[in-house]
PDB file of all heavy atoms in Angstrom:
ATOM      1  N   VAL A   1      -4.400   6.196 -11.122  1.00  0.00           N
ATOM      2  CA  VAL A   1      -3.740   6.122 -12.427  1.00  0.00           C
ATOM      3  C   VAL A   1      -3.031   7.458 -12.615  1.00  0.00           C
ATOM      4  O   VAL A   1      -3.363   8.453 -11.950  1.00  0.00           O
ATOM      5  CB  VAL A   1      -4.730   5.881 -13.595  1.00  0.00           C
ATOM      6  CG1 VAL A   1      -5.342   4.503 -13.519  1.00  0.00           C
ATOM      7  CG2 VAL A   1      -5.827   6.961 -13.617  1.00  0.00           C
ATOM      8  N   LYS A   2      -2.058   7.494 -13.492  1.00  0.00           N
ATOM      9  CA  LYS A   2      -1.328   8.740 -13.727  1.00  0.00           C
ATOM     10  C   LYS A   2      -2.302   9.864 -14.102  1.00  0.00           C
ATOM     11  O   LYS A   2      -3.160   9.691 -14.962  1.00  0.00           O
ATOM     12  CB  LYS A   2      -0.292   8.556 -14.838  1.00  0.00           C
ATOM     13  CG  LYS A   2       0.615   9.764 -15.016  1.00  0.00           C
ATOM     14  CD  LYS A   2       1.677   9.514 -16.066  1.00  0.00           C
ATOM     15  CE  LYS A   2       2.575  10.742 -16.231  1.00  0.00           C
ATOM     16  NZ  LYS A   2       3.625  10.515 -17.263  1.00  0.00           N
ATOM     17  N   GLY A   3      -2.170  10.988 -13.428  1.00  0.00           N
ATOM     18  CA  GLY A   3      -3.061  12.119 -13.677  1.00  0.00           C
ATOM     19  C   GLY A   3      -4.217  12.215 -12.698  1.00  0.00           C
ATOM     20  O   GLY A   3      -4.950  13.218 -12.686  1.00  0.00           O
ATOM     21  N   THR A   4      -4.398  11.180 -11.860  1.00  0.00           N
ATOM     22  CA  THR A   4      -5.460  11.230 -10.857  1.00  0.00           C
ATOM     23  C   THR A   4      -5.239  12.412  -9.909  1.00  0.00           C
ATOM     24  O   THR A   4      -4.137  12.622  -9.407  1.00  0.00           O
ATOM     25  CB  THR A   4      -5.494   9.935 -10.019  1.00  0.00           C
ATOM     26  OG1 THR A   4      -5.821   8.832 -10.871  1.00  0.00           O
ATOM     27  CG2 THR A   4      -6.534  10.032  -8.906  1.00  0.00           C
ATOM     28  N   THR A   5      -6.296  13.171  -9.687  1.00  0.00           N
ATOM     29  CA  THR A   5      -6.228  14.313  -8.784  1.00  0.00           C
ATOM     30  C   THR A   5      -6.983  14.014  -7.505  1.00  0.00           C
ATOM     31  O   THR A   5      -8.135  13.569  -7.540  1.00  0.00           O
ATOM     32  CB  THR A   5      -6.823  15.571  -9.449  1.00  0.00           C
ATOM     33  OG1 THR A   5      -6.043  15.914 -10.597  1.00  0.00           O
ATOM     34  CG2 THR A   5      -6.820  16.748  -8.484  1.00  0.00           C
ATOM     35  N   VAL A   6      -6.327  14.220  -6.382  1.00  0.00           N
ATOM     36  CA  VAL A   6      -6.972  14.059  -5.080  1.00  0.00           C
ATOM     37  C   VAL A   6      -7.651  15.374  -4.733  1.00  0.00           C
ATOM     38  O   VAL A   6      -6.999  16.415  -4.636  1.00  0.00           O
ATOM     39  CB  VAL A   6      -5.951  13.692  -3.987  1.00  0.00           C
ATOM     40  CG1 VAL A   6      -6.619  13.660  -2.616  1.00  0.00           C
ATOM     41  CG2 VAL A   6      -5.314  12.348  -4.304  1.00  0.00           C
ATOM     42  N   SER A   7      -8.967  15.325  -4.594  1.00  0.00           N
ATOM     43  CA  SER A   7      -9.732  16.534  -4.304  1.00  0.00           C
ATOM     44  C   SER A   7     -10.067  16.597  -2.822  1.00  0.00           C
ATOM     45  O   SER A   7      -9.940  15.605  -2.101  1.00  0.00           O
ATOM     46  CB  SER A   7     -11.030  16.533  -5.127  1.00  0.00           C
ATOM     47  OG  SER A   7     -11.944  15.595  -4.585  1.00  0.00           O
ATOM     48  N   PRO A   8     -10.527  17.743  -2.341  1.00  0.00           N
ATOM     49  CA  PRO A   8     -10.855  17.880  -0.916  1.00  0.00           C
ATOM     50  C   PRO A   8     -12.240  17.363  -0.556  1.00  0.00           C
ATOM     51  O   PRO A   8     -12.644  17.444   0.602  1.00  0.00           O
ATOM     52  CB  PRO A   8     -10.776  19.399  -0.699  1.00  0.00           C
ATOM     53  CG  PRO A   8     -11.195  19.973  -2.021  1.00  0.00           C
ATOM     54  CD  PRO A   8     -10.637  19.037  -3.059  1.00  0.00           C
ATOM     55  N   TYR A   9     -12.957  16.805  -1.531  1.00  0.00           N
ATOM     56  CA  TYR A   9     -14.358  16.467  -1.299  1.00  0.00           C
ATOM     57  C   TYR A   9     -14.573  15.107  -0.642  1.00  0.00           C
ATOM     58  O   TYR A   9     -15.638  14.862  -0.076  1.00  0.00           O
ATOM     59  CB  TYR A   9     -15.132  16.503  -2.630  1.00  0.00           C
ATOM     60  CG  TYR A   9     -15.130  17.857  -3.288  1.00  0.00           C
ATOM     61  CD1 TYR A   9     -14.307  18.120  -4.385  1.00  0.00           C
ATOM     62  CD2 TYR A   9     -15.937  18.890  -2.810  1.00  0.00           C
ATOM     63  CE1 TYR A   9     -14.294  19.364  -4.991  1.00  0.00           C
ATOM     64  CE2 TYR A   9     -15.931  20.139  -3.403  1.00  0.00           C
ATOM     65  CZ  TYR A   9     -15.104  20.373  -4.502  1.00  0.00           C
ATOM     66  OH  TYR A   9     -15.081  21.614  -5.101  1.00  0.00           O
ATOM     67  N   TYR A  10     -13.581  14.216  -0.730  1.00  0.00           N
ATOM     68  CA  TYR A  10     -13.824  12.842  -0.303  1.00  0.00           C
ATOM     69  C   TYR A  10     -12.757  12.335   0.656  1.00  0.00           C
ATOM     70  O   TYR A  10     -11.819  13.043   0.995  1.00  0.00           O
ATOM     71  CB  TYR A  10     -13.915  11.926  -1.542  1.00  0.00           C
ATOM     72  CG  TYR A  10     -14.786  12.483  -2.635  1.00  0.00           C
ATOM     73  CD1 TYR A  10     -14.245  12.862  -3.864  1.00  0.00           C
ATOM     74  CD2 TYR A  10     -16.157  12.675  -2.435  1.00  0.00           C
ATOM     75  CE1 TYR A  10     -15.038  13.402  -4.860  1.00  0.00           C
ATOM     76  CE2 TYR A  10     -16.959  13.219  -3.427  1.00  0.00           C
ATOM     77  CZ  TYR A  10     -16.397  13.580  -4.640  1.00  0.00           C
ATOM     78  OH  TYR A  10     -17.180  14.124  -5.627  1.00  0.00           O
ATOM     79  N   ASP A  11     -12.908  11.081   1.047  1.00  0.00           N
ATOM     80  CA  ASP A  11     -11.972  10.416   1.948  1.00  0.00           C
ATOM     81  C   ASP A  11     -10.566  10.422   1.365  1.00  0.00           C
ATOM     82  O   ASP A  11     -10.378  10.408   0.150  1.00  0.00           O
ATOM     83  CB  ASP A  11     -12.449   8.972   2.153  1.00  0.00           C
ATOM     84  CG  ASP A  11     -11.647   8.243   3.204  1.00  0.00           C
ATOM     85  OD1 ASP A  11     -11.979   8.357   4.390  1.00  0.00           O
ATOM     86  OD2 ASP A  11     -10.675   7.568   2.821  1.00  0.00           O
ATOM     87  N   SER A  12      -9.567  10.395   2.244  1.00  0.00           N
ATOM     88  CA  SER A  12      -8.172  10.494   1.807  1.00  0.00           C
ATOM     89  C   SER A  12      -7.559   9.158   1.384  1.00  0.00           C
ATOM     90  O   SER A  12      -6.393   9.107   0.991  1.00  0.00           O
ATOM     91  CB  SER A  12      -7.319  11.099   2.930  1.00  0.00           C
ATOM     92  OG  SER A  12      -7.323  10.243   4.061  1.00  0.00           O
ATOM     93  N   LEU A  13      -8.325   8.067   1.461  1.00  0.00           N
ATOM     94  CA  LEU A  13      -7.785   6.752   1.124  1.00  0.00           C
ATOM     95  C   LEU A  13      -7.421   6.662  -0.354  1.00  0.00           C
ATOM     96  O   LEU A  13      -8.255   6.853  -1.227  1.00  0.00           O
ATOM     97  CB  LEU A  13      -8.799   5.664   1.475  1.00  0.00           C
ATOM     98  CG  LEU A  13      -8.345   4.219   1.239  1.00  0.00           C
ATOM     99  CD1 LEU A  13      -7.206   3.863   2.178  1.00  0.00           C
ATOM    100  CD2 LEU A  13      -9.519   3.254   1.415  1.00  0.00           C
ATOM    101  N   LEU A  14      -6.135   6.352  -0.622  1.00  0.00           N
ATOM    102  CA  LEU A  14      -5.659   6.179  -1.997  1.00  0.00           C
ATOM    103  C   LEU A  14      -5.637   4.716  -2.405  1.00  0.00           C
ATOM    104  O   LEU A  14      -5.815   4.388  -3.581  1.00  0.00           O
ATOM    105  CB  LEU A  14      -4.233   6.738  -2.132  1.00  0.00           C
ATOM    106  CG  LEU A  14      -4.045   8.225  -1.856  1.00  0.00           C
ATOM    107  CD1 LEU A  14      -2.569   8.586  -1.941  1.00  0.00           C
ATOM    108  CD2 LEU A  14      -4.863   9.068  -2.838  1.00  0.00           C
ATOM    109  N   GLY A  15      -5.379   3.840  -1.461  1.00  0.00           N
ATOM    110  CA  GLY A  15      -5.300   2.427  -1.767  1.00  0.00           C
ATOM    111  C   GLY A  15      -4.978   1.619  -0.539  1.00  0.00           C
ATOM    112  O   GLY A  15      -4.698   2.164   0.541  1.00  0.00           O
ATOM    113  N   LYS A  16      -5.000   0.305  -0.701  1.00  0.00           N
ATOM    114  CA  LYS A  16      -4.724  -0.609   0.405  1.00  0.00           C
ATOM    115  C   LYS A  16      -3.696  -1.627  -0.070  1.00  0.00           C
ATOM    116  O   LYS A  16      -3.926  -2.331  -1.057  1.00  0.00           O
ATOM    117  CB  LYS A  16      -6.014  -1.304   0.847  1.00  0.00           C
ATOM    118  CG  LYS A  16      -7.091  -0.321   1.287  1.00  0.00           C
ATOM    119  CD  LYS A  16      -8.415  -1.004   1.575  1.00  0.00           C
ATOM    120  CE  LYS A  16      -9.018  -1.628   0.346  1.00  0.00           C
ATOM    121  NZ  LYS A  16     -10.413  -2.092   0.570  1.00  0.00           N
ATOM    122  N   LEU A  17      -2.577  -1.678   0.637  1.00  0.00           N
ATOM    123  CA  LEU A  17      -1.520  -2.623   0.317  1.00  0.00           C
ATOM    124  C   LEU A  17      -1.701  -3.850   1.209  1.00  0.00           C
ATOM    125  O   LEU A  17      -1.652  -3.739   2.439  1.00  0.00           O
ATOM    126  CB  LEU A  17      -0.149  -1.992   0.545  1.00  0.00           C
ATOM    127  CG  LEU A  17       1.074  -2.848   0.231  1.00  0.00           C
ATOM    128  CD1 LEU A  17       1.095  -3.270  -1.239  1.00  0.00           C
ATOM    129  CD2 LEU A  17       2.354  -2.092   0.571  1.00  0.00           C
ATOM    130  N   ILE A  18      -1.935  -5.004   0.591  1.00  0.00           N
ATOM    131  CA  ILE A  18      -2.222  -6.228   1.327  1.00  0.00           C
ATOM    132  C   ILE A  18      -1.222  -7.306   0.939  1.00  0.00           C
ATOM    133  O   ILE A  18      -0.952  -7.513  -0.248  1.00  0.00           O
ATOM    134  CB  ILE A  18      -3.648  -6.740   1.036  1.00  0.00           C
ATOM    135  CG1 ILE A  18      -4.669  -5.598   1.104  1.00  0.00           C
ATOM    136  CG2 ILE A  18      -4.040  -7.839   2.021  1.00  0.00           C
ATOM    137  CD1 ILE A  18      -5.201  -5.174  -0.217  1.00  0.00           C
ATOM    138  N   VAL A  19      -0.664  -7.993   1.929  1.00  0.00           N
ATOM    139  CA  VAL A  19       0.266  -9.082   1.675  1.00  0.00           C
ATOM    140  C   VAL A  19      -0.080 -10.247   2.595  1.00  0.00           C
ATOM    141  O   VAL A  19      -0.715 -10.074   3.638  1.00  0.00           O
ATOM    142  CB  VAL A  19       1.744  -8.666   1.905  1.00  0.00           C
ATOM    143  CG1 VAL A  19       2.106  -7.459   1.063  1.00  0.00           C
ATOM    144  CG2 VAL A  19       2.013  -8.388   3.382  1.00  0.00           C
ATOM    145  N   SER A  20       0.331 -11.452   2.197  1.00  0.00           N
ATOM    146  CA  SER A  20       0.130 -12.613   3.051  1.00  0.00           C
ATOM    147  C   SER A  20       1.280 -13.584   2.887  1.00  0.00           C
ATOM    148  O   SER A  20       1.981 -13.584   1.862  1.00  0.00           O
ATOM    149  CB  SER A  20      -1.197 -13.308   2.729  1.00  0.00           C
ATOM    150  OG  SER A  20      -1.166 -13.865   1.430  1.00  0.00           O
ATOM    151  N   ALA A  21       1.489 -14.419   3.916  1.00  0.00           N
ATOM    152  CA  ALA A  21       2.552 -15.415   3.904  1.00  0.00           C
ATOM    153  C   ALA A  21       2.219 -16.495   4.920  1.00  0.00           C
ATOM    154  O   ALA A  21       1.197 -16.426   5.618  1.00  0.00           O
ATOM    155  CB  ALA A  21       3.901 -14.762   4.223  1.00  0.00           C
ATOM    156  N   GLY A  22       3.094 -17.501   5.020  1.00  0.00           N
ATOM    157  CA  GLY A  22       2.833 -18.641   5.890  1.00  0.00           C
ATOM    158  C   GLY A  22       2.920 -18.346   7.359  1.00  0.00           C
ATOM    159  O   GLY A  22       2.275 -19.008   8.178  1.00  0.00           O
ATOM    160  N   THR A  23       3.708 -17.333   7.741  1.00  0.00           N
ATOM    161  CA  THR A  23       3.830 -16.944   9.142  1.00  0.00           C
ATOM    162  C   THR A  23       3.751 -15.431   9.257  1.00  0.00           C
ATOM    163  O   THR A  23       3.950 -14.707   8.273  1.00  0.00           O
ATOM    164  CB  THR A  23       5.174 -17.406   9.738  1.00  0.00           C
ATOM    165  OG1 THR A  23       6.243 -16.680   9.098  1.00  0.00           O
ATOM    166  CG2 THR A  23       5.380 -18.903   9.536  1.00  0.00           C
ATOM    167  N   ARG A  24       3.507 -14.940  10.473  1.00  0.00           N
ATOM    168  CA  ARG A  24       3.440 -13.497  10.686  1.00  0.00           C
ATOM    169  C   ARG A  24       4.792 -12.851  10.414  1.00  0.00           C
ATOM    170  O   ARG A  24       4.870 -11.750   9.859  1.00  0.00           O
ATOM    171  CB  ARG A  24       2.974 -13.181  12.108  1.00  0.00           C
ATOM    172  CG  ARG A  24       2.744 -11.690  12.366  1.00  0.00           C
ATOM    173  CD  ARG A  24       2.094 -11.448  13.711  1.00  0.00           C
ATOM    174  NE  ARG A  24       1.757 -10.034  13.872  1.00  0.00           N
ATOM    175  CZ  ARG A  24       2.532  -9.128  14.435  1.00  0.00           C
ATOM    176  NH1 ARG A  24       3.726  -9.490  14.925  1.00  0.00           N
ATOM    177  NH2 ARG A  24       2.146  -7.873  14.536  1.00  0.00           N
ATOM    178  N   GLU A  25       5.886 -13.519  10.794  1.00  0.00           N
ATOM    179  CA  GLU A  25       7.218 -12.982  10.552  1.00  0.00           C
ATOM    180  C   GLU A  25       7.478 -12.801   9.058  1.00  0.00           C
ATOM    181  O   GLU A  25       8.010 -11.776   8.626  1.00  0.00           O
ATOM    182  CB  GLU A  25       8.270 -13.911  11.157  1.00  0.00           C
ATOM    183  CG  GLU A  25       9.701 -13.383  11.032  1.00  0.00           C
ATOM    184  CD  GLU A  25      10.730 -14.314  11.651  1.00  0.00           C
ATOM    185  OE1 GLU A  25      10.336 -15.364  12.207  1.00  0.00           O
ATOM    186  OE2 GLU A  25      11.928 -14.000  11.566  1.00  0.00           O
ATOM    187  N   GLU A  26       7.072 -13.788   8.259  1.00  0.00           N
ATOM    188  CA  GLU A  26       7.236 -13.685   6.807  1.00  0.00           C
ATOM    189  C   GLU A  26       6.363 -12.573   6.238  1.00  0.00           C
ATOM    190  O   GLU A  26       6.779 -11.838   5.336  1.00  0.00           O
ATOM    191  CB  GLU A  26       6.877 -15.012   6.145  1.00  0.00           C
ATOM    192  CG  GLU A  26       7.832 -16.141   6.427  1.00  0.00           C
ATOM    193  CD  GLU A  26       7.348 -17.448   5.833  1.00  0.00           C
ATOM    194  OE1 GLU A  26       6.249 -17.909   6.212  1.00  0.00           O
ATOM    195  OE2 GLU A  26       8.058 -18.005   4.982  1.00  0.00           O
ATOM    196  N   THR A  27       5.153 -12.446   6.779  1.00  0.00           N
ATOM    197  CA  THR A  27       4.248 -11.391   6.321  1.00  0.00           C
ATOM    198  C   THR A  27       4.828 -10.013   6.607  1.00  0.00           C
ATOM    199  O   THR A  27       4.753  -9.104   5.766  1.00  0.00           O
ATOM    200  CB  THR A  27       2.871 -11.539   6.997  1.00  0.00           C
ATOM    201  OG1 THR A  27       2.298 -12.798   6.627  1.00  0.00           O
ATOM    202  CG2 THR A  27       1.926 -10.424   6.578  1.00  0.00           C
ATOM    203  N   LEU A  28       5.416  -9.840   7.783  1.00  0.00           N
ATOM    204  CA  LEU A  28       6.043  -8.566   8.132  1.00  0.00           C
ATOM    205  C   LEU A  28       7.182  -8.231   7.180  1.00  0.00           C
ATOM    206  O   LEU A  28       7.297  -7.086   6.716  1.00  0.00           O
ATOM    207  CB  LEU A  28       6.556  -8.611   9.568  1.00  0.00           C
ATOM    208  CG  LEU A  28       5.514  -8.376  10.667  1.00  0.00           C
ATOM    209  CD1 LEU A  28       6.047  -8.826  12.011  1.00  0.00           C
ATOM    210  CD2 LEU A  28       5.102  -6.913  10.713  1.00  0.00           C
ATOM    211  N   ARG A  29       8.005  -9.208   6.864  1.00  0.00           N
ATOM    212  CA  ARG A  29       9.107  -8.951   5.928  1.00  0.00           C
ATOM    213  C   ARG A  29       8.581  -8.573   4.560  1.00  0.00           C
ATOM    214  O   ARG A  29       9.104  -7.663   3.894  1.00  0.00           O
ATOM    215  CB  ARG A  29      10.015 -10.188   5.835  1.00  0.00           C
ATOM    216  CG  ARG A  29      10.874 -10.434   7.068  1.00  0.00           C
ATOM    217  CD  ARG A  29      12.060 -11.328   6.748  1.00  0.00           C
ATOM    218  NE  ARG A  29      11.627 -12.649   6.293  1.00  0.00           N
ATOM    219  CZ  ARG A  29      11.492 -13.710   7.085  1.00  0.00           C
ATOM    220  NH1 ARG A  29      11.741 -13.597   8.387  1.00  0.00           N
ATOM    221  NH2 ARG A  29      11.134 -14.879   6.597  1.00  0.00           N
ATOM    222  N   LYS A  30       7.528  -9.261   4.140  1.00  0.00           N
ATOM    223  CA  LYS A  30       6.947  -8.978   2.824  1.00  0.00           C
ATOM    224  C   LYS A  30       6.317  -7.580   2.802  1.00  0.00           C
ATOM    225  O   LYS A  30       6.432  -6.856   1.806  1.00  0.00           O
ATOM    226  CB  LYS A  30       5.916 -10.040   2.462  1.00  0.00           C
ATOM    227  CG  LYS A  30       5.336  -9.884   1.066  1.00  0.00           C
ATOM    228  CD  LYS A  30       4.403 -11.037   0.712  1.00  0.00           C
ATOM    229  CE  LYS A  30       5.178 -12.318   0.473  1.00  0.00           C
ATOM    230  NZ  LYS A  30       4.328 -13.386  -0.098  1.00  0.00           N
ATOM    231  N   MET A  31       5.672  -7.203   3.902  1.00  0.00           N
ATOM    232  CA  MET A  31       5.063  -5.872   3.956  1.00  0.00           C
ATOM    233  C   MET A  31       6.125  -4.783   3.928  1.00  0.00           C
ATOM    234  O   MET A  31       5.975  -3.767   3.229  1.00  0.00           O
ATOM    235  CB  MET A  31       4.179  -5.729   5.193  1.00  0.00           C
ATOM    236  CG  MET A  31       3.506  -4.366   5.319  1.00  0.00           C
ATOM    237  SD  MET A  31       2.449  -3.946   3.891  1.00  0.00           S
ATOM    238  CE  MET A  31       0.938  -4.804   4.359  1.00  0.00           C
ATOM    239  N   ARG A  32       7.208  -4.963   4.668  1.00  0.00           N
ATOM    240  CA  ARG A  32       8.285  -3.966   4.636  1.00  0.00           C
ATOM    241  C   ARG A  32       8.843  -3.812   3.233  1.00  0.00           C
ATOM    242  O   ARG A  32       9.054  -2.691   2.752  1.00  0.00           O
ATOM    243  CB  ARG A  32       9.398  -4.387   5.604  1.00  0.00           C
ATOM    244  CG  ARG A  32       9.016  -4.370   7.067  1.00  0.00           C
ATOM    245  CD  ARG A  32      10.201  -4.717   7.952  1.00  0.00           C
ATOM    246  NE  ARG A  32       9.764  -5.201   9.253  1.00  0.00           N
ATOM    247  CZ  ARG A  32       9.951  -6.433   9.710  1.00  0.00           C
ATOM    248  NH1 ARG A  32      10.601  -7.321   8.972  1.00  0.00           N
ATOM    249  NH2 ARG A  32       9.516  -6.784  10.906  1.00  0.00           N
ATOM    250  N   ALA A  33       9.096  -4.929   2.567  1.00  0.00           N
ATOM    251  CA  ALA A  33       9.638  -4.887   1.206  1.00  0.00           C
ATOM    252  C   ALA A  33       8.655  -4.219   0.247  1.00  0.00           C
ATOM    253  O   ALA A  33       9.048  -3.414  -0.614  1.00  0.00           O
ATOM    254  CB  ALA A  33       9.957  -6.298   0.728  1.00  0.00           C
ATOM    255  N   SER A  34       7.374  -4.511   0.404  1.00  0.00           N
ATOM    256  CA  SER A  34       6.356  -3.952  -0.492  1.00  0.00           C
ATOM    257  C   SER A  34       6.180  -2.450  -0.291  1.00  0.00           C
ATOM    258  O   SER A  34       6.008  -1.690  -1.244  1.00  0.00           O
ATOM    259  CB  SER A  34       5.024  -4.680  -0.287  1.00  0.00           C
ATOM    260  OG  SER A  34       5.140  -6.040  -0.616  1.00  0.00           O
ATOM    261  N   LEU A  35       6.225  -2.018   0.976  1.00  0.00           N
ATOM    262  CA  LEU A  35       6.127  -0.578   1.258  1.00  0.00           C
ATOM    263  C   LEU A  35       7.325   0.166   0.674  1.00  0.00           C
ATOM    264  O   LEU A  35       7.177   1.282   0.155  1.00  0.00           O
ATOM    265  CB  LEU A  35       6.041  -0.338   2.766  1.00  0.00           C
ATOM    266  CG  LEU A  35       4.691  -0.623   3.429  1.00  0.00           C
ATOM    267  CD1 LEU A  35       4.837  -0.680   4.942  1.00  0.00           C
ATOM    268  CD2 LEU A  35       3.643   0.417   3.030  1.00  0.00           C
ATOM    269  N   CYS A  36       8.494  -0.449   0.739  1.00  0.00           N
ATOM    270  CA  CYS A  36       9.693   0.180   0.165  1.00  0.00           C
ATOM    271  C   CYS A  36       9.591   0.283  -1.351  1.00  0.00           C
ATOM    272  O   CYS A  36      10.140   1.210  -1.956  1.00  0.00           O
ATOM    273  CB  CYS A  36      10.939  -0.616   0.545  1.00  0.00           C
ATOM    274  SG  CYS A  36      11.405  -0.453   2.278  1.00  0.00           S
ATOM    275  N   GLU A  37       8.883  -0.660  -1.960  1.00  0.00           N
ATOM    276  CA  GLU A  37       8.773  -0.675  -3.416  1.00  0.00           C
ATOM    277  C   GLU A  37       7.647   0.216  -3.931  1.00  0.00           C
ATOM    278  O   GLU A  37       7.677   0.674  -5.078  1.00  0.00           O
ATOM    279  CB  GLU A  37       8.554  -2.114  -3.892  1.00  0.00           C
ATOM    280  CG  GLU A  37       8.677  -2.287  -5.399  1.00  0.00           C
ATOM    281  CD  GLU A  37       8.501  -3.728  -5.840  1.00  0.00           C
ATOM    282  OE1 GLU A  37       8.617  -4.634  -4.990  1.00  0.00           O
ATOM    283  OE2 GLU A  37       8.235  -3.931  -7.044  1.00  0.00           O
ATOM    284  N   LEU A  38       6.636   0.448  -3.098  1.00  0.00           N
ATOM    285  CA  LEU A  38       5.500   1.270  -3.519  1.00  0.00           C
ATOM    286  C   LEU A  38       5.930   2.729  -3.675  1.00  0.00           C
ATOM    287  O   LEU A  38       6.434   3.344  -2.739  1.00  0.00           O
ATOM    288  CB  LEU A  38       4.368   1.165  -2.478  1.00  0.00           C
ATOM    289  CG  LEU A  38       3.112   2.006  -2.738  1.00  0.00           C
ATOM    290  CD1 LEU A  38       2.437   1.607  -4.049  1.00  0.00           C
ATOM    291  CD2 LEU A  38       2.135   1.878  -1.568  1.00  0.00           C
ATOM    292  N   ILE A  39       5.722   3.276  -4.875  1.00  0.00           N
ATOM    293  CA  ILE A  39       6.109   4.667  -5.150  1.00  0.00           C
ATOM    294  C   ILE A  39       4.885   5.442  -5.632  1.00  0.00           C
ATOM    295  O   ILE A  39       4.225   5.044  -6.601  1.00  0.00           O
ATOM    296  CB  ILE A  39       7.217   4.741  -6.225  1.00  0.00           C
ATOM    297  CG1 ILE A  39       8.471   3.998  -5.743  1.00  0.00           C
ATOM    298  CG2 ILE A  39       7.551   6.202  -6.553  1.00  0.00           C
ATOM    299  CD1 ILE A  39       9.540   3.876  -6.811  1.00  0.00           C
ATOM    300  N   ILE A  40       4.591   6.519  -4.945  1.00  0.00           N
ATOM    301  CA  ILE A  40       3.520   7.443  -5.344  1.00  0.00           C
ATOM    302  C   ILE A  40       4.101   8.840  -5.336  1.00  0.00           C
ATOM    303  O   ILE A  40       4.480   9.347  -4.280  1.00  0.00           O
ATOM    304  CB  ILE A  40       2.312   7.352  -4.382  1.00  0.00           C
ATOM    305  CG1 ILE A  40       1.708   5.940  -4.409  1.00  0.00           C
ATOM    306  CG2 ILE A  40       1.258   8.393  -4.742  1.00  0.00           C
ATOM    307  CD1 ILE A  40       0.615   5.722  -3.378  1.00  0.00           C
TER     308      ILE A  40
END
């Protein structure tokens, strides 16, 4: 959330972006689009 501080005490994982679709090709396109849209 806005203001969250990443400290040196724990794992570096911030989140997991998960997508699904009817085929692997569609899933790849959706993942590329989602990664482009994700802003941190």
